Amino acid sequence: MTSVPLILFAHGARDPRWAEPFEAIRGAVHAGDPGRRVELAYLELMAPTLAEVAARLHADGIRHARVVPLFLATGGHLRRDLPKMVESITGTLPGFTLDVQPPLGESPEMRAAIVDWLARM
């Protein structure tokens, strides 16, 4: 595998249907690059957690992954909770690193797509 594995990180909800758009995104990214491992992980209320996904990757011999928060902005969860999770994970899994990206909504391309979509309303 030559591409860095992606962990799409979402909040989670009690209703399992809430995850459907994220599962579709994961599927589309994987379909576009079948050799790339693309996983979903959730902050709370749903499984798997980020720690569970990281442990599976580590068990499969992967030592580096990229976390992409599927959030619109950097709030408390991304400022406080995610760094604590990453520190705990990397402290527990020998030689494993996580590269955390900015949230989806902070991407200029995503903002442009939202503006284009809203303009058609």
PDB file of N, CA and C in Angstrom:
ATOM      1  N   MET A   1       0.849  -1.173   0.000  1.00  0.00           N
ATOM      2  CA  MET A   1       0.000   0.000   0.000  1.00  0.00           C
ATOM      3  C   MET A   1       0.892   1.232   0.000  1.00  0.00           C
ATOM      4  N   THR A   2       0.726   2.091  -0.978  1.00  0.00           N
ATOM      5  CA  THR A   2       1.591   3.258  -1.088  1.00  0.00           C
ATOM      6  C   THR A   2       0.957   4.507  -0.503  1.00  0.00           C
ATOM      7  N   SER A   3      -0.368   4.598  -0.479  1.00  0.00           N
ATOM      8  CA  SER A   3      -1.046   5.778   0.052  1.00  0.00           C
ATOM      9  C   SER A   3      -1.151   5.690   1.568  1.00  0.00           C
ATOM     10  N   VAL A   4      -1.061   6.857   2.201  1.00  0.00           N
ATOM     11  CA  VAL A   4      -1.241   6.917   3.650  1.00  0.00           C
ATOM     12  C   VAL A   4      -2.704   6.601   3.956  1.00  0.00           C
ATOM     13  N   PRO A   5      -2.965   5.681   4.870  1.00  0.00           N
ATOM     14  CA  PRO A   5      -4.349   5.387   5.229  1.00  0.00           C
ATOM     15  C   PRO A   5      -5.045   6.625   5.785  1.00  0.00           C
ATOM     16  N   LEU A   6      -6.323   6.731   5.476  1.00  0.00           N
ATOM     17  CA  LEU A   6      -7.139   7.831   5.979  1.00  0.00           C
ATOM     18  C   LEU A   6      -8.073   7.315   7.059  1.00  0.00           C
ATOM     19  N   ILE A   7      -8.193   8.098   8.116  1.00  0.00           N
ATOM     20  CA  ILE A   7      -9.209   7.836   9.135  1.00  0.00           C
ATOM     21  C   ILE A   7     -10.138   9.043   9.112  1.00  0.00           C
ATOM     22  N   LEU A   8     -11.340   8.842   8.602  1.00  0.00           N
ATOM     23  CA  LEU A   8     -12.341   9.890   8.587  1.00  0.00           C
ATOM     24  C   LEU A   8     -12.967   9.921   9.976  1.00  0.00           C
ATOM     25  N   PHE A   9     -12.856  11.052  10.648  1.00  0.00           N
ATOM     26  CA  PHE A   9     -13.235  11.172  12.055  1.00  0.00           C
ATOM     27  C   PHE A   9     -14.482  12.031  12.180  1.00  0.00           C
ATOM     28  N   ALA A  10     -15.572  11.425  12.656  1.00  0.00           N
ATOM     29  CA  ALA A  10     -16.847  12.135  12.786  1.00  0.00           C
ATOM     30  C   ALA A  10     -17.302  12.107  14.245  1.00  0.00           C
ATOM     31  N   HIS A  11     -18.278  12.929  14.558  1.00  0.00           N
ATOM     32  CA  HIS A  11     -18.742  13.065  15.931  1.00  0.00           C
ATOM     33  C   HIS A  11     -19.419  11.806  16.451  1.00  0.00           C
ATOM     34  N   GLY A  12     -20.420  11.313  15.747  1.00  0.00           N
ATOM     35  CA  GLY A  12     -21.215  10.186  16.216  1.00  0.00           C
ATOM     36  C   GLY A  12     -22.568  10.657  16.706  1.00  0.00           C
ATOM     37  N   ALA A  13     -23.532   9.746  16.715  1.00  0.00           N
ATOM     38  CA  ALA A  13     -24.896  10.063  17.146  1.00  0.00           C
ATOM     39  C   ALA A  13     -25.571   8.780  17.614  1.00  0.00           C
ATOM     40  N   ARG A  14     -26.678   8.930  18.309  1.00  0.00           N
ATOM     41  CA  ARG A  14     -27.417   7.753  18.772  1.00  0.00           C
ATOM     42  C   ARG A  14     -28.121   7.032  17.629  1.00  0.00           C
ATOM     43  N   ASP A  15     -28.556   7.769  16.631  1.00  0.00           N
ATOM     44  CA  ASP A  15     -29.281   7.196  15.499  1.00  0.00           C
ATOM     45  C   ASP A  15     -28.274   6.680  14.475  1.00  0.00           C
ATOM     46  N   PRO A  16     -28.243   5.373  14.221  1.00  0.00           N
ATOM     47  CA  PRO A  16     -27.250   4.828  13.286  1.00  0.00           C
ATOM     48  C   PRO A  16     -27.376   5.380  11.867  1.00  0.00           C
ATOM     49  N   ARG A  17     -28.555   5.874  11.504  1.00  0.00           N
ATOM     50  CA  ARG A  17     -28.734   6.457  10.160  1.00  0.00           C
ATOM     51  C   ARG A  17     -27.909   7.727   9.979  1.00  0.00           C
ATOM     52  N   TRP A  18     -27.547   8.370  11.071  1.00  0.00           N
ATOM     53  CA  TRP A  18     -26.749   9.592  11.016  1.00  0.00           C
ATOM     54  C   TRP A  18     -25.430   9.333  10.285  1.00  0.00           C
ATOM     55  N   ALA A  19     -24.897   8.129  10.403  1.00  0.00           N
ATOM     56  CA  ALA A  19     -23.592   7.809   9.818  1.00  0.00           C
ATOM     57  C   ALA A  19     -23.650   7.543   8.319  1.00  0.00           C
ATOM     58  N   GLU A  20     -24.823   7.413   7.740  1.00  0.00           N
ATOM     59  CA  GLU A  20     -24.940   7.046   6.323  1.00  0.00           C
ATOM     60  C   GLU A  20     -24.164   7.964   5.378  1.00  0.00           C
ATOM     61  N   PRO A  21     -24.240   9.296   5.525  1.00  0.00           N
ATOM     62  CA  PRO A  21     -23.449  10.142   4.609  1.00  0.00           C
ATOM     63  C   PRO A  21     -21.943   9.925   4.743  1.00  0.00           C
ATOM     64  N   PHE A  22     -21.484   9.659   5.961  1.00  0.00           N
ATOM     65  CA  PHE A  22     -20.056   9.449   6.188  1.00  0.00           C
ATOM     66  C   PHE A  22     -19.611   8.106   5.607  1.00  0.00           C
ATOM     67  N   GLU A  23     -20.472   7.114   5.722  1.00  0.00           N
ATOM     68  CA  GLU A  23     -20.172   5.821   5.109  1.00  0.00           C
ATOM     69  C   GLU A  23     -20.118   5.944   3.588  1.00  0.00           C
ATOM     70  N   ALA A  24     -21.006   6.769   3.022  1.00  0.00           N
ATOM     71  CA  ALA A  24     -20.992   6.993   1.574  1.00  0.00           C
ATOM     72  C   ALA A  24     -19.708   7.700   1.149  1.00  0.00           C
ATOM     73  N   ILE A  25     -19.278   8.670   1.926  1.00  0.00           N
ATOM     74  CA  ILE A  25     -18.021   9.371   1.630  1.00  0.00           C
ATOM     75  C   ILE A  25     -16.859   8.387   1.697  1.00  0.00           C
ATOM     76  N   ARG A  26     -16.821   7.566   2.746  1.00  0.00           N
ATOM     77  CA  ARG A  26     -15.759   6.573   2.870  1.00  0.00           C
ATOM     78  C   ARG A  26     -15.751   5.639   1.667  1.00  0.00           C
ATOM     79  N   GLY A  27     -16.907   5.188   1.272  1.00  0.00           N
ATOM     80  CA  GLY A  27     -17.005   4.295   0.128  1.00  0.00           C
ATOM     81  C   GLY A  27     -16.548   4.943  -1.165  1.00  0.00           C
ATOM     82  N   ALA A  28     -16.912   6.205  -1.365  1.00  0.00           N
ATOM     83  CA  ALA A  28     -16.518   6.911  -2.587  1.00  0.00           C
ATOM     84  C   ALA A  28     -15.017   7.158  -2.632  1.00  0.00           C
ATOM     85  N   VAL A  29     -14.429   7.511  -1.495  1.00  0.00           N
ATOM     86  CA  VAL A  29     -12.976   7.726  -1.455  1.00  0.00           C
ATOM     87  C   VAL A  29     -12.261   6.407  -1.748  1.00  0.00           C
ATOM     88  N   HIS A  30     -12.729   5.342  -1.152  1.00  0.00           N
ATOM     89  CA  HIS A  30     -12.113   4.029  -1.393  1.00  0.00           C
ATOM     90  C   HIS A  30     -12.292   3.602  -2.853  1.00  0.00           C
ATOM     91  N   ALA A  31     -13.471   3.845  -3.420  1.00  0.00           N
ATOM     92  CA  ALA A  31     -13.706   3.478  -4.821  1.00  0.00           C
ATOM     93  C   ALA A  31     -12.776   4.248  -5.752  1.00  0.00           C
ATOM     94  N   GLY A  32     -12.469   5.495  -5.413  1.00  0.00           N
ATOM     95  CA  GLY A  32     -11.567   6.301  -6.223  1.00  0.00           C
ATOM     96  C   GLY A  32     -10.117   5.899  -6.102  1.00  0.00           C
ATOM     97  N   ASP A  33      -9.770   5.222  -5.009  1.00  0.00           N
ATOM     98  CA  ASP A  33      -8.402   4.769  -4.766  1.00  0.00           C
ATOM     99  C   ASP A  33      -8.470   3.443  -4.011  1.00  0.00           C
ATOM    100  N   PRO A  34      -8.808   2.352  -4.727  1.00  0.00           N
ATOM    101  CA  PRO A  34      -9.036   1.063  -4.064  1.00  0.00           C
ATOM    102  C   PRO A  34      -7.845   0.531  -3.272  1.00  0.00           C
ATOM    103  N   GLY A  35      -6.650   0.977  -3.568  1.00  0.00           N
ATOM    104  CA  GLY A  35      -5.484   0.518  -2.833  1.00  0.00           C
ATOM    105  C   GLY A  35      -5.276   1.241  -1.524  1.00  0.00           C
ATOM    106  N   ARG A  36      -6.058   2.278  -1.284  1.00  0.00           N
ATOM    107  CA  ARG A  36      -5.892   3.071  -0.071  1.00  0.00           C
ATOM    108  C   ARG A  36      -6.864   2.599   1.005  1.00  0.00           C
ATOM    109  N   ARG A  37      -6.356   2.435   2.173  1.00  0.00           N
ATOM    110  CA  ARG A  37      -7.211   2.067   3.300  1.00  0.00           C
ATOM    111  C   ARG A  37      -7.917   3.326   3.791  1.00  0.00           C
ATOM    112  N   VAL A  38      -9.230   3.259   3.898  1.00  0.00           N
ATOM    113  CA  VAL A  38     -10.046   4.383   4.354  1.00  0.00           C
ATOM    114  C   VAL A  38     -10.976   3.854   5.440  1.00  0.00           C
ATOM    115  N   GLU A  39     -10.852   4.404   6.622  1.00  0.00           N
ATOM    116  CA  GLU A  39     -11.630   3.956   7.779  1.00  0.00           C
ATOM    117  C   GLU A  39     -12.463   5.106   8.322  1.00  0.00           C
ATOM    118  N   LEU A  40     -13.545   4.761   9.014  1.00  0.00           N
ATOM    119  CA  LEU A  40     -14.349   5.727   9.755  1.00  0.00           C
ATOM    120  C   LEU A  40     -14.129   5.502  11.235  1.00  0.00           C
ATOM    121  N   ALA A  41     -14.036   6.586  11.988  1.00  0.00           N
ATOM    122  CA  ALA A  41     -13.941   6.503  13.448  1.00  0.00           C
ATOM    123  C   ALA A  41     -14.819   7.605  14.022  1.00  0.00           C
ATOM    124  N   TYR A  42     -15.311   7.361  15.221  1.00  0.00           N
ATOM    125  CA  TYR A  42     -16.238   8.298  15.841  1.00  0.00           C
ATOM    126  C   TYR A  42     -15.745   8.758  17.204  1.00  0.00           C
ATOM    127  N   LEU A  43     -16.048  10.005  17.504  1.00  0.00           N
ATOM    128  CA  LEU A  43     -15.685  10.614  18.779  1.00  0.00           C
ATOM    129  C   LEU A  43     -16.466   9.972  19.925  1.00  0.00           C
ATOM    130  N   GLU A  44     -17.775   9.804  19.716  1.00  0.00           N
ATOM    131  CA  GLU A  44     -18.600   9.255  20.787  1.00  0.00           C
ATOM    132  C   GLU A  44     -19.895   8.679  20.215  1.00  0.00           C
ATOM    133  N   LEU A  45     -20.559   7.889  21.004  1.00  0.00           N
ATOM    134  CA  LEU A  45     -21.885   7.341  20.713  1.00  0.00           C
ATOM    135  C   LEU A  45     -21.928   6.278  19.627  1.00  0.00           C
ATOM    136  N   MET A  46     -20.882   6.105  18.870  1.00  0.00           N
ATOM    137  CA  MET A  46     -20.840   5.123  17.789  1.00  0.00           C
ATOM    138  C   MET A  46     -19.482   4.431  17.796  1.00  0.00           C
ATOM    139  N   ALA A  47     -19.453   3.298  17.155  1.00  0.00           N
ATOM    140  CA  ALA A  47     -18.207   2.547  17.011  1.00  0.00           C
ATOM    141  C   ALA A  47     -17.890   2.428  15.529  1.00  0.00           C
ATOM    142  N   PRO A  48     -16.616   2.336  15.230  1.00  0.00           N
ATOM    143  CA  PRO A  48     -15.475   2.217  16.126  1.00  0.00           C
ATOM    144  C   PRO A  48     -14.964   3.588  16.560  1.00  0.00           C
ATOM    145  N   THR A  49     -14.258   3.588  17.656  1.00  0.00           N
ATOM    146  CA  THR A  49     -13.602   4.803  18.122  1.00  0.00           C
ATOM    147  C   THR A  49     -12.285   4.995  17.359  1.00  0.00           C
ATOM    148  N   LEU A  50     -11.703   6.154  17.512  1.00  0.00           N
ATOM    149  CA  LEU A  50     -10.399   6.417  16.902  1.00  0.00           C
ATOM    150  C   LEU A  50      -9.352   5.441  17.442  1.00  0.00           C
ATOM    151  N   ALA A  51      -9.404   5.173  18.741  1.00  0.00           N
ATOM    152  CA  ALA A  51      -8.445   4.237  19.340  1.00  0.00           C
ATOM    153  C   ALA A  51      -8.607   2.837  18.761  1.00  0.00           C
ATOM    154  N   GLU A  52      -9.840   2.406  18.537  1.00  0.00           N
ATOM    155  CA  GLU A  52     -10.077   1.082  17.973  1.00  0.00           C
ATOM    156  C   GLU A  52      -9.554   0.979  16.541  1.00  0.00           C
ATOM    157  N   VAL A  53      -9.802   2.000  15.753  1.00  0.00           N
ATOM    158  CA  VAL A  53      -9.316   1.990  14.367  1.00  0.00           C
ATOM    159  C   VAL A  53      -7.791   2.009  14.357  1.00  0.00           C
ATOM    160  N   ALA A  54      -7.190   2.859  15.177  1.00  0.00           N
ATOM    161  CA  ALA A  54      -5.727   2.930  15.237  1.00  0.00           C
ATOM    162  C   ALA A  54      -5.137   1.585  15.650  1.00  0.00           C
ATOM    163  N   ALA A  55      -5.748   0.925  16.616  1.00  0.00           N
ATOM    164  CA  ALA A  55      -5.250  -0.384  17.068  1.00  0.00           C
ATOM    165  C   ALA A  55      -5.333  -1.416  15.942  1.00  0.00           C
ATOM    166  N   ARG A  56      -6.411  -1.391  15.153  1.00  0.00           N
ATOM    167  CA  ARG A  56      -6.530  -2.321  14.013  1.00  0.00           C
ATOM    168  C   ARG A  56      -5.458  -2.047  12.976  1.00  0.00           C
ATOM    169  N   LEU A  57      -5.236  -0.769  12.668  1.00  0.00           N
ATOM    170  CA  LEU A  57      -4.202  -0.425  11.692  1.00  0.00           C
ATOM    171  C   LEU A  57      -2.839  -0.899  12.193  1.00  0.00           C
ATOM    172  N   HIS A  58      -2.555  -0.613  13.462  1.00  0.00           N
ATOM    173  CA  HIS A  58      -1.285  -1.004  14.063  1.00  0.00           C
ATOM    174  C   HIS A  58      -1.111  -2.518  14.014  1.00  0.00           C
ATOM    175  N   ALA A  59      -2.174  -3.245  14.332  1.00  0.00           N
ATOM    176  CA  ALA A  59      -2.117  -4.720  14.294  1.00  0.00           C
ATOM    177  C   ALA A  59      -1.862  -5.237  12.885  1.00  0.00           C
ATOM    178  N   ASP A  60      -2.264  -4.470  11.886  1.00  0.00           N
ATOM    179  CA  ASP A  60      -2.035  -4.839  10.481  1.00  0.00           C
ATOM    180  C   ASP A  60      -0.665  -4.380   9.968  1.00  0.00           C
ATOM    181  N   GLY A  61       0.155  -3.842  10.868  1.00  0.00           N
ATOM    182  CA  GLY A  61       1.508  -3.436  10.482  1.00  0.00           C
ATOM    183  C   GLY A  61       1.631  -2.014   9.975  1.00  0.00           C
ATOM    184  N   ILE A  62       0.561  -1.259  10.017  1.00  0.00           N
ATOM    185  CA  ILE A  62       0.588   0.139   9.571  1.00  0.00           C
ATOM    186  C   ILE A  62       1.098   0.995  10.722  1.00  0.00           C
ATOM    187  N   ARG A  63       2.002   1.916  10.422  1.00  0.00           N
ATOM    188  CA  ARG A  63       2.609   2.726  11.469  1.00  0.00           C
ATOM    189  C   ARG A  63       2.298   4.213  11.349  1.00  0.00           C
ATOM    190  N   HIS A  64       1.555   4.602  10.323  1.00  0.00           N
ATOM    191  CA  HIS A  64       1.209   6.012  10.155  1.00  0.00           C
ATOM    192  C   HIS A  64      -0.137   6.108   9.457  1.00  0.00           C
ATOM    193  N   ALA A  65      -0.983   7.033   9.939  1.00  0.00           N
ATOM    194  CA  ALA A  65      -2.272   7.282   9.296  1.00  0.00           C
ATOM    195  C   ALA A  65      -2.593   8.765   9.395  1.00  0.00           C
ATOM    196  N   ARG A  66      -3.477   9.193   8.534  1.00  0.00           N
ATOM    197  CA  ARG A  66      -3.912  10.597   8.476  1.00  0.00           C
ATOM    198  C   ARG A  66      -5.358  10.673   8.962  1.00  0.00           C
ATOM    199  N   VAL A  67      -5.604  11.522   9.956  1.00  0.00           N
ATOM    200  CA  VAL A  67      -6.945  11.729  10.507  1.00  0.00           C
ATOM    201  C   VAL A  67      -7.547  12.962   9.843  1.00  0.00           C
ATOM    202  N   VAL A  68      -8.726  12.784   9.251  1.00  0.00           N
ATOM    203  CA  VAL A  68      -9.433  13.888   8.595  1.00  0.00           C
ATOM    204  C   VAL A  68     -10.744  14.111   9.352  1.00  0.00           C
ATOM    205  N   PRO A  69     -10.818  15.172  10.161  1.00  0.00           N
ATOM    206  CA  PRO A  69     -12.050  15.444  10.897  1.00  0.00           C
ATOM    207  C   PRO A  69     -13.176  15.892   9.956  1.00  0.00           C
ATOM    208  N   LEU A  70     -14.282  15.167   9.994  1.00  0.00           N
ATOM    209  CA  LEU A  70     -15.440  15.524   9.185  1.00  0.00           C
ATOM    210  C   LEU A  70     -16.334  16.459  10.001  1.00  0.00           C
ATOM    211  N   PHE A  71     -15.746  17.582  10.370  1.00  0.00           N
ATOM    212  CA  PHE A  71     -16.401  18.637  11.143  1.00  0.00           C
ATOM    213  C   PHE A  71     -16.343  19.908  10.293  1.00  0.00           C
ATOM    214  N   LEU A  72     -17.253  20.846  10.542  1.00  0.00           N
ATOM    215  CA  LEU A  72     -17.220  22.089   9.780  1.00  0.00           C
ATOM    216  C   LEU A  72     -16.224  23.093  10.337  1.00  0.00           C
ATOM    217  N   ALA A  73     -15.918  23.019  11.618  1.00  0.00           N
ATOM    218  CA  ALA A  73     -15.005  23.994  12.212  1.00  0.00           C
ATOM    219  C   ALA A  73     -14.266  23.367  13.389  1.00  0.00           C
ATOM    220  N   THR A  74     -13.220  24.050  13.836  1.00  0.00           N
ATOM    221  CA  THR A  74     -12.455  23.608  14.987  1.00  0.00           C
ATOM    222  C   THR A  74     -13.125  24.128  16.249  1.00  0.00           C
ATOM    223  N   GLY A  75     -13.853  23.264  16.918  1.00  0.00           N
ATOM    224  CA  GLY A  75     -14.467  23.598  18.192  1.00  0.00           C
ATOM    225  C   GLY A  75     -13.752  22.866  19.305  1.00  0.00           C
ATOM    226  N   GLY A  76     -14.410  22.758  20.427  1.00  0.00           N
ATOM    227  CA  GLY A  76     -13.812  22.138  21.605  1.00  0.00           C
ATOM    228  C   GLY A  76     -13.375  20.703  21.395  1.00  0.00           C
ATOM    229  N   HIS A  77     -14.181  19.932  20.670  1.00  0.00           N
ATOM    230  CA  HIS A  77     -13.805  18.536  20.446  1.00  0.00           C
ATOM    231  C   HIS A  77     -12.482  18.427  19.692  1.00  0.00           C
ATOM    232  N   LEU A  78     -12.291  19.273  18.700  1.00  0.00           N
ATOM    233  CA  LEU A  78     -11.051  19.199  17.919  1.00  0.00           C
ATOM    234  C   LEU A  78      -9.896  19.897  18.613  1.00  0.00           C
ATOM    235  N   ARG A  79     -10.210  20.908  19.422  1.00  0.00           N
ATOM    236  CA  ARG A  79      -9.152  21.625  20.137  1.00  0.00           C
ATOM    237  C   ARG A  79      -8.653  20.855  21.354  1.00  0.00           C
ATOM    238  N   ARG A  80      -9.579  20.209  22.073  1.00  0.00           N
ATOM    239  CA  ARG A  80      -9.198  19.564  23.331  1.00  0.00           C
ATOM    240  C   ARG A  80      -9.248  18.037  23.262  1.00  0.00           C
ATOM    241  N   ASP A  81     -10.387  17.502  22.826  1.00  0.00           N
ATOM    242  CA  ASP A  81     -10.578  16.050  22.902  1.00  0.00           C
ATOM    243  C   ASP A  81      -9.698  15.273  21.925  1.00  0.00           C
ATOM    244  N   LEU A  82      -9.666  15.705  20.678  1.00  0.00           N
ATOM    245  CA  LEU A  82      -8.888  14.972  19.675  1.00  0.00           C
ATOM    246  C   LEU A  82      -7.397  14.936  20.004  1.00  0.00           C
ATOM    247  N   PRO A  83      -6.769  16.060  20.382  1.00  0.00           N
ATOM    248  CA  PRO A  83      -5.342  15.964  20.745  1.00  0.00           C
ATOM    249  C   PRO A  83      -5.071  14.996  21.905  1.00  0.00           C
ATOM    250  N   LYS A  84      -5.980  14.946  22.882  1.00  0.00           N
ATOM    251  CA  LYS A  84      -5.811  14.006  23.999  1.00  0.00           C
ATOM    252  C   LYS A  84      -5.910  12.565  23.498  1.00  0.00           C
ATOM    253  N   MET A  85      -6.850  12.319  22.590  1.00  0.00           N
ATOM    254  CA  MET A  85      -6.995  10.977  22.028  1.00  0.00           C
ATOM    255  C   MET A  85      -5.744  10.573  21.274  1.00  0.00           C
ATOM    256  N   VAL A  86      -5.246  11.484  20.440  1.00  0.00           N
ATOM    257  CA  VAL A  86      -4.053  11.191  19.641  1.00  0.00           C
ATOM    258  C   VAL A  86      -2.863  10.920  20.552  1.00  0.00           C
ATOM    259  N   GLU A  87      -2.702  11.720  21.594  1.00  0.00           N
ATOM    260  CA  GLU A  87      -1.592  11.517  22.529  1.00  0.00           C
ATOM    261  C   GLU A  87      -1.701  10.150  23.210  1.00  0.00           C
ATOM    262  N   SER A  88      -2.896   9.792  23.616  1.00  0.00           N
ATOM    263  CA  SER A  88      -3.100   8.493  24.257  1.00  0.00           C
ATOM    264  C   SER A  88      -2.811   7.345  23.289  1.00  0.00           C
ATOM    265  N   ILE A  89      -3.302   7.467  22.064  1.00  0.00           N
ATOM    266  CA  ILE A  89      -3.110   6.414  21.060  1.00  0.00           C
ATOM    267  C   ILE A  89      -1.639   6.236  20.728  1.00  0.00           C
ATOM    268  N   THR A  90      -0.962   7.338  20.447  1.00  0.00           N
ATOM    269  CA  THR A  90       0.440   7.225  20.049  1.00  0.00           C
ATOM    270  C   THR A  90       1.322   6.819  21.231  1.00  0.00           C
ATOM    271  N   GLY A  91       0.871   7.101  22.451  1.00  0.00           N
ATOM    272  CA  GLY A  91       1.610   6.649  23.629  1.00  0.00           C
ATOM    273  C   GLY A  91       1.414   5.171  23.918  1.00  0.00           C
ATOM    274  N   THR A  92       0.340   4.609  23.389  1.00  0.00           N
ATOM    275  CA  THR A  92       0.001   3.208  23.639  1.00  0.00           C
ATOM    276  C   THR A  92       0.500   2.278  22.540  1.00  0.00           C
ATOM    277  N   LEU A  93       0.522   2.762  21.313  1.00  0.00           N
ATOM    278  CA  LEU A  93       0.894   1.925  20.167  1.00  0.00           C
ATOM    279  C   LEU A  93       2.322   2.257  19.734  1.00  0.00           C
ATOM    280  N   PRO A  94       3.275   1.388  19.976  1.00  0.00           N
ATOM    281  CA  PRO A  94       4.679   1.662  19.670  1.00  0.00           C
ATOM    282  C   PRO A  94       4.902   1.989  18.189  1.00  0.00           C
ATOM    283  N   GLY A  95       5.555   3.110  17.951  1.00  0.00           N
ATOM    284  CA  GLY A  95       5.939   3.489  16.598  1.00  0.00           C
ATOM    285  C   GLY A  95       4.806   3.995  15.728  1.00  0.00           C
ATOM    286  N   PHE A  96       3.608   4.167  16.281  1.00  0.00           N
ATOM    287  CA  PHE A  96       2.449   4.592  15.499  1.00  0.00           C
ATOM    288  C   PHE A  96       2.285   6.103  15.588  1.00  0.00           C
ATOM    289  N   THR A  97       2.056   6.751  14.431  1.00  0.00           N
ATOM    290  CA  THR A  97       1.838   8.190  14.422  1.00  0.00           C
ATOM    291  C   THR A  97       0.541   8.513  13.683  1.00  0.00           C
ATOM    292  N   LEU A  98      -0.069   9.612  14.086  1.00  0.00           N
ATOM    293  CA  LEU A  98      -1.275  10.118  13.446  1.00  0.00           C
ATOM    294  C   LEU A  98      -1.030  11.552  13.024  1.00  0.00           C
ATOM    295  N   ASP A  99      -1.333  11.837  11.789  1.00  0.00           N
ATOM    296  CA  ASP A  99      -1.216  13.176  11.216  1.00  0.00           C
ATOM    297  C   ASP A  99      -2.633  13.745  11.141  1.00  0.00           C
ATOM    298  N   VAL A 100      -2.956  14.709  12.004  1.00  0.00           N
ATOM    299  CA  VAL A 100      -4.307  15.264  12.063  1.00  0.00           C
ATOM    300  C   VAL A 100      -4.410  16.468  11.134  1.00  0.00           C
ATOM    301  N   GLN A 101      -5.373  16.399  10.241  1.00  0.00           N
ATOM    302  CA  GLN A 101      -5.632  17.460   9.273  1.00  0.00           C
ATOM    303  C   GLN A 101      -6.642  18.455   9.836  1.00  0.00           C
ATOM    304  N   PRO A 102      -6.747  19.648   9.233  1.00  0.00           N
ATOM    305  CA  PRO A 102      -7.795  20.589   9.642  1.00  0.00           C
ATOM    306  C   PRO A 102      -9.166  20.006   9.315  1.00  0.00           C
ATOM    307  N   PRO A 103     -10.208  20.496   9.984  1.00  0.00           N
ATOM    308  CA  PRO A 103     -11.543  19.986   9.691  1.00  0.00           C
ATOM    309  C   PRO A 103     -11.989  20.324   8.267  1.00  0.00           C
ATOM    310  N   LEU A 104     -12.883  19.494   7.789  1.00  0.00           N
ATOM    311  CA  LEU A 104     -13.418  19.611   6.437  1.00  0.00           C
ATOM    312  C   LEU A 104     -13.859  21.036   6.096  1.00  0.00           C
ATOM    313  N   GLY A 105     -14.584  21.661   7.004  1.00  0.00           N
ATOM    314  CA  GLY A 105     -15.138  22.991   6.739  1.00  0.00           C
ATOM    315  C   GLY A 105     -14.107  24.093   6.625  1.00  0.00           C
ATOM    316  N   GLU A 106     -12.883  23.832   7.005  1.00  0.00           N
ATOM    317  CA  GLU A 106     -11.840  24.849   6.885  1.00  0.00           C
ATOM    318  C   GLU A 106     -11.093  24.748   5.565  1.00  0.00           C
ATOM    319  N   SER A 107     -11.478  23.797   4.742  1.00  0.00           N
ATOM    320  CA  SER A 107     -10.873  23.649   3.423  1.00  0.00           C
ATOM    321  C   SER A 107     -11.478  24.683   2.468  1.00  0.00           C
ATOM    322  N   PRO A 108     -10.643  25.449   1.769  1.00  0.00           N
ATOM    323  CA  PRO A 108     -11.185  26.417   0.806  1.00  0.00           C
ATOM    324  C   PRO A 108     -12.061  25.754  -0.260  1.00  0.00           C
ATOM    325  N   GLU A 109     -11.693  24.553  -0.669  1.00  0.00           N
ATOM    326  CA  GLU A 109     -12.494  23.845  -1.679  1.00  0.00           C
ATOM    327  C   GLU A 109     -13.873  23.480  -1.131  1.00  0.00           C
ATOM    328  N   MET A 110     -13.928  23.052   0.135  1.00  0.00           N
ATOM    329  CA  MET A 110     -15.212  22.701   0.730  1.00  0.00           C
ATOM    330  C   MET A 110     -16.072  23.941   0.925  1.00  0.00           C
ATOM    331  N   ARG A 111     -15.472  25.014   1.360  1.00  0.00           N
ATOM    332  CA  ARG A 111     -16.243  26.258   1.518  1.00  0.00           C
ATOM    333  C   ARG A 111     -16.803  26.712   0.173  1.00  0.00           C
ATOM    334  N   ALA A 112     -16.006  26.612  -0.872  1.00  0.00           N
ATOM    335  CA  ALA A 112     -16.488  26.995  -2.202  1.00  0.00           C
ATOM    336  C   ALA A 112     -17.636  26.098  -2.645  1.00  0.00           C
ATOM    337  N   ALA A 113     -17.535  24.800  -2.364  1.00  0.00           N
ATOM    338  CA  ALA A 113     -18.615  23.877  -2.727  1.00  0.00           C
ATOM    339  C   ALA A 113     -19.893  24.217  -1.964  1.00  0.00           C
ATOM    340  N   ILE A 114     -19.767  24.581  -0.697  1.00  0.00           N
ATOM    341  CA  ILE A 114     -20.942  24.956   0.100  1.00  0.00           C
ATOM    342  C   ILE A 114     -21.568  26.236  -0.455  1.00  0.00           C
ATOM    343  N   VAL A 115     -20.740  27.207  -0.774  1.00  0.00           N
ATOM    344  CA  VAL A 115     -21.253  28.464  -1.322  1.00  0.00           C
ATOM    345  C   VAL A 115     -21.959  28.191  -2.655  1.00  0.00           C
ATOM    346  N   ASP A 116     -21.367  27.383  -3.508  1.00  0.00           N
ATOM    347  CA  ASP A 116     -22.010  27.037  -4.789  1.00  0.00           C
ATOM    348  C   ASP A 116     -23.346  26.345  -4.565  1.00  0.00           C
ATOM    349  N   TRP A 117     -23.391  25.428  -3.636  1.00  0.00           N
ATOM    350  CA  TRP A 117     -24.624  24.696  -3.326  1.00  0.00           C
ATOM    351  C   TRP A 117     -25.689  25.665  -2.797  1.00  0.00           C
ATOM    352  N   LEU A 118     -25.299  26.559  -1.889  1.00  0.00           N
ATOM    353  CA  LEU A 118     -26.241  27.526  -1.331  1.00  0.00           C
ATOM    354  C   LEU A 118     -26.747  28.506  -2.384  1.00  0.00           C
ATOM    355  N   ALA A 119     -25.884  28.857  -3.335  1.00  0.00           N
ATOM    356  CA  ALA A 119     -26.292  29.784  -4.406  1.00  0.00           C
ATOM    357  C   ALA A 119     -27.405  29.202  -5.269  1.00  0.00           C
ATOM    358  N   ARG A 120     -27.495  27.887  -5.292  1.00  0.00           N
ATOM    359  CA  ARG A 120     -28.542  27.237  -6.100  1.00  0.00           C
ATOM    360  C   ARG A 120     -29.848  27.077  -5.325  1.00  0.00           C
ATOM    361  N   MET A 121     -29.889  27.496  -4.095  1.00  0.00           N
ATOM    362  CA  MET A 121     -31.107  27.357  -3.271  1.00  0.00           C
ATOM    363  C   MET A 121     -32.161  28.364  -3.687  1.00  0.00           C
TER     364      MET A 121
END
